[in-house]
Amino acid sequence: MEGNEKNEGFDRNNRDEIFSVSVRAGKRTYFFDVKSTKKDDYYLTITESKKRFDKDGNFTFEKHKIFLYKEDFDKFSNGLEEALSFIKDYNKEKMLGDDESGYDSSESEELNPAEFMNVEFEDLAN
């Protein structure tokens, strides 16, 4: 029977990963992996991976994983969309400030164009 278990494990591993996408975002990489259950139902794993260095300079990858099953897709998607919309709306309002043009003059410094007009190539060498 041990041979059959290994064989089943081999078949299982061949169909386990169905689709995969990786997204690099700064110091992190996100993996979106579609996998299959024994009953051929698909589910999603979302993995965040960060490279970490120890005091000796050796590195390891710190990983955090979320398993998302088909019965939760709609609720997860709705929650994610709601959270992203909130952030986008908050940032849009923050960018608009009091002025509808999208430019908040209270957060910027006054710039003098004359400071940028006189550039000497000798200045760039230092």
C-alpha atoms as a PDB file:
ATOM      1  CA  MET A   1       0.000   0.000   0.000  1.00  0.00           C
ATOM      2  CA  GLU A   2       2.915   2.341   0.599  1.00  0.00           C
ATOM      3  CA  GLY A   3       3.591   2.450  -3.154  1.00  0.00           C
ATOM      4  CA  ASN A   4       0.002   3.555  -3.804  1.00  0.00           C
ATOM      5  CA  GLU A   5       0.273   6.371  -1.269  1.00  0.00           C
ATOM      6  CA  LYS A   6       3.373   7.699  -2.973  1.00  0.00           C
ATOM      7  CA  ASN A   7       1.660   7.390  -6.331  1.00  0.00           C
ATOM      8  CA  GLU A   8      -1.406   9.236  -5.088  1.00  0.00           C
ATOM      9  CA  GLY A   9       0.828  11.926  -3.638  1.00  0.00           C
ATOM     10  CA  PHE A  10       2.597  12.273  -6.969  1.00  0.00           C
ATOM     11  CA  ASP A  11      -0.726  12.644  -8.834  1.00  0.00           C
ATOM     12  CA  ARG A  12      -1.960  15.080  -6.200  1.00  0.00           C
ATOM     13  CA  ASN A  13       1.118  17.300  -6.563  1.00  0.00           C
ATOM     14  CA  ASN A  14       0.770  17.342 -10.357  1.00  0.00           C
ATOM     15  CA  ARG A  15      -2.737  18.794 -10.186  1.00  0.00           C
ATOM     16  CA  ASP A  16      -2.327  20.851  -7.006  1.00  0.00           C
ATOM     17  CA  GLU A  17      -0.987  24.041  -8.674  1.00  0.00           C
ATOM     18  CA  ILE A  18      -3.378  25.117 -11.420  1.00  0.00           C
ATOM     19  CA  PHE A  19      -2.381  28.750 -11.978  1.00  0.00           C
ATOM     20  CA  SER A  20       0.075  31.170 -10.378  1.00  0.00           C
ATOM     21  CA  VAL A  21       0.803  34.894 -10.585  1.00  0.00           C
ATOM     22  CA  SER A  22       3.509  36.752  -8.685  1.00  0.00           C
ATOM     23  CA  VAL A  23       3.512  40.488  -8.027  1.00  0.00           C
ATOM     24  CA  ARG A  24       6.619  42.337  -6.866  1.00  0.00           C
ATOM     25  CA  ALA A  25       5.774  45.333  -4.717  1.00  0.00           C
ATOM     26  CA  GLY A  26       8.756  47.044  -3.139  1.00  0.00           C
ATOM     27  CA  LYS A  27      10.403  44.740  -0.608  1.00  0.00           C
ATOM     28  CA  ARG A  28       7.569  42.244  -0.814  1.00  0.00           C
ATOM     29  CA  THR A  29       6.415  39.698  -3.346  1.00  0.00           C
ATOM     30  CA  TYR A  30       2.826  38.504  -3.439  1.00  0.00           C
ATOM     31  CA  PHE A  31       1.907  35.119  -4.900  1.00  0.00           C
ATOM     32  CA  PHE A  32      -1.634  34.327  -6.044  1.00  0.00           C
ATOM     33  CA  ASP A  33      -1.855  30.563  -6.509  1.00  0.00           C
ATOM     34  CA  VAL A  34      -4.927  28.684  -7.699  1.00  0.00           C
ATOM     35  CA  LYS A  35      -4.889  25.150  -6.330  1.00  0.00           C
ATOM     36  CA  SER A  36      -7.150  22.138  -6.479  1.00  0.00           C
ATOM     37  CA  THR A  37      -8.722  20.040  -3.723  1.00  0.00           C
ATOM     38  CA  LYS A  38      -9.128  16.256  -3.902  1.00  0.00           C
ATOM     39  CA  LYS A  39     -12.649  16.872  -5.295  1.00  0.00           C
ATOM     40  CA  ASP A  40     -11.249  19.185  -8.003  1.00  0.00           C
ATOM     41  CA  ASP A  41     -12.628  22.337  -6.417  1.00  0.00           C
ATOM     42  CA  TYR A  42     -10.376  25.348  -6.887  1.00  0.00           C
ATOM     43  CA  TYR A  43      -9.225  27.626  -4.089  1.00  0.00           C
ATOM     44  CA  LEU A  44      -6.814  30.524  -3.852  1.00  0.00           C
ATOM     45  CA  THR A  45      -3.762  30.969  -1.688  1.00  0.00           C
ATOM     46  CA  ILE A  46      -2.351  34.463  -1.269  1.00  0.00           C
ATOM     47  CA  THR A  47       1.216  34.494   0.021  1.00  0.00           C
ATOM     48  CA  GLU A  48       3.213  37.525   1.108  1.00  0.00           C
ATOM     49  CA  SER A  49       6.952  36.894   1.036  1.00  0.00           C
ATOM     50  CA  LYS A  50       9.594  39.207   2.510  1.00  0.00           C
ATOM     51  CA  LYS A  51      13.352  38.691   2.432  1.00  0.00           C
ATOM     52  CA  ARG A  52      14.835  38.991   5.926  1.00  0.00           C
ATOM     53  CA  PHE A  53      18.483  39.133   6.961  1.00  0.00           C
ATOM     54  CA  ASP A  54      19.833  37.838  10.258  1.00  0.00           C
ATOM     55  CA  LYS A  55      22.732  39.378  12.186  1.00  0.00           C
ATOM     56  CA  ASP A  56      25.246  37.235  10.233  1.00  0.00           C
ATOM     57  CA  GLY A  57      23.989  38.492   6.870  1.00  0.00           C
ATOM     58  CA  ASN A  58      22.210  35.259   5.958  1.00  0.00           C
ATOM     59  CA  PHE A  59      18.759  35.649   4.491  1.00  0.00           C
ATOM     60  CA  THR A  60      15.500  33.803   4.841  1.00  0.00           C
ATOM     61  CA  PHE A  61      12.049  34.434   3.448  1.00  0.00           C
ATOM     62  CA  GLU A  62       9.304  35.297   5.896  1.00  0.00           C
ATOM     63  CA  LYS A  63       5.977  34.146   4.497  1.00  0.00           C
ATOM     64  CA  HIS A  64       2.372  34.773   5.445  1.00  0.00           C
ATOM     65  CA  LYS A  65      -0.340  32.795   3.728  1.00  0.00           C
ATOM     66  CA  ILE A  66      -4.120  33.153   3.348  1.00  0.00           C
ATOM     67  CA  PHE A  67      -6.312  30.338   2.050  1.00  0.00           C
ATOM     68  CA  LEU A  68      -9.450  31.535   0.292  1.00  0.00           C
ATOM     69  CA  TYR A  69     -12.109  28.957  -0.576  1.00  0.00           C
ATOM     70  CA  LYS A  70     -14.778  29.337  -3.271  1.00  0.00           C
ATOM     71  CA  GLU A  71     -17.637  29.777  -0.807  1.00  0.00           C
ATOM     72  CA  ASP A  72     -15.877  32.899   0.504  1.00  0.00           C
ATOM     73  CA  PHE A  73     -14.873  34.481  -2.839  1.00  0.00           C
ATOM     74  CA  ASP A  74     -17.808  36.912  -3.046  1.00  0.00           C
ATOM     75  CA  LYS A  75     -17.606  38.051   0.583  1.00  0.00           C
ATOM     76  CA  PHE A  76     -13.831  38.453   0.385  1.00  0.00           C
ATOM     77  CA  SER A  77     -14.056  40.316  -2.917  1.00  0.00           C
ATOM     78  CA  ASN A  78     -16.766  42.640  -1.570  1.00  0.00           C
ATOM     79  CA  GLY A  79     -14.788  43.357   1.593  1.00  0.00           C
ATOM     80  CA  LEU A  80     -11.590  44.001  -0.337  1.00  0.00           C
ATOM     81  CA  GLU A  81     -13.354  46.305  -2.796  1.00  0.00           C
ATOM     82  CA  GLU A  82     -15.009  48.219   0.046  1.00  0.00           C
ATOM     83  CA  ALA A  83     -11.685  48.688   1.837  1.00  0.00           C
ATOM     84  CA  LEU A  84      -9.883  49.766  -1.351  1.00  0.00           C
ATOM     85  CA  SER A  85     -12.663  52.217  -2.226  1.00  0.00           C
ATOM     86  CA  PHE A  86     -12.453  53.722   1.243  1.00  0.00           C
ATOM     87  CA  ILE A  87      -8.685  54.226   0.880  1.00  0.00           C
ATOM     88  CA  LYS A  88      -9.024  55.703  -2.627  1.00  0.00           C
ATOM     89  CA  ASP A  89     -11.793  58.082  -1.506  1.00  0.00           C
ATOM     90  CA  TYR A  90      -9.825  59.110   1.588  1.00  0.00           C
ATOM     91  CA  ASN A  91      -6.716  59.842  -0.474  1.00  0.00           C
ATOM     92  CA  LYS A  92      -8.748  61.728  -3.083  1.00  0.00           C
ATOM     93  CA  GLU A  93     -10.270  63.970  -0.383  1.00  0.00           C
ATOM     94  CA  LYS A  94      -6.849  64.426   1.195  1.00  0.00           C
ATOM     95  CA  MET A  95      -5.391  65.459  -2.167  1.00  0.00           C
ATOM     96  CA  LEU A  96      -8.238  67.904  -2.847  1.00  0.00           C
ATOM     97  CA  GLY A  97      -7.998  69.618   0.509  1.00  0.00           C
ATOM     98  CA  ASP A  98     -10.062  72.809   0.550  1.00  0.00           C
ATOM     99  CA  ASP A  99      -9.379  73.573  -3.106  1.00  0.00           C
ATOM    100  CA  GLU A 100     -11.401  71.663  -5.738  1.00  0.00           C
ATOM    101  CA  SER A 101      -8.493  71.787  -8.214  1.00  0.00           C
ATOM    102  CA  GLY A 102      -6.747  68.925  -6.459  1.00  0.00           C
ATOM    103  CA  TYR A 103      -3.854  71.100  -5.356  1.00  0.00           C
ATOM    104  CA  ASP A 104      -3.477  71.899  -1.676  1.00  0.00           C
ATOM    105  CA  SER A 105      -1.302  74.999  -1.515  1.00  0.00           C
ATOM    106  CA  SER A 106      -1.032  74.869   2.282  1.00  0.00           C
ATOM    107  CA  GLU A 107       1.249  71.815   2.040  1.00  0.00           C
ATOM    108  CA  SER A 108       3.694  73.211  -0.541  1.00  0.00           C
ATOM    109  CA  GLU A 109       6.584  75.608  -0.257  1.00  0.00           C
ATOM    110  CA  GLU A 110       6.886  78.763  -2.335  1.00  0.00           C
ATOM    111  CA  LEU A 111       9.329  78.135  -5.201  1.00  0.00           C
ATOM    112  CA  ASN A 112      11.410  80.846  -6.797  1.00  0.00           C
ATOM    113  CA  PRO A 113      11.886  80.070 -10.526  1.00  0.00           C
ATOM    114  CA  ALA A 114      15.071  82.154 -10.602  1.00  0.00           C
ATOM    115  CA  GLU A 115      16.744  79.551  -8.372  1.00  0.00           C
ATOM    116  CA  PHE A 116      16.389  76.960 -11.137  1.00  0.00           C
ATOM    117  CA  MET A 117      17.359  79.152 -14.101  1.00  0.00           C
ATOM    118  CA  ASN A 118      21.082  79.616 -13.435  1.00  0.00           C
ATOM    119  CA  VAL A 119      22.669  76.188 -13.754  1.00  0.00           C
ATOM    120  CA  GLU A 120      26.390  75.971 -14.459  1.00  0.00           C
ATOM    121  CA  PHE A 121      27.899  72.675 -15.605  1.00  0.00           C
ATOM    122  CA  GLU A 122      30.800  73.237 -13.206  1.00  0.00           C
ATOM    123  CA  ASP A 123      28.270  73.118 -10.342  1.00  0.00           C
ATOM    124  CA  LEU A 124      27.163  69.644 -11.428  1.00  0.00           C
ATOM    125  CA  ALA A 125      30.677  68.180 -11.269  1.00  0.00           C
ATOM    126  CA  ASN A 126      30.943  68.685  -7.495  1.00  0.00           C
END
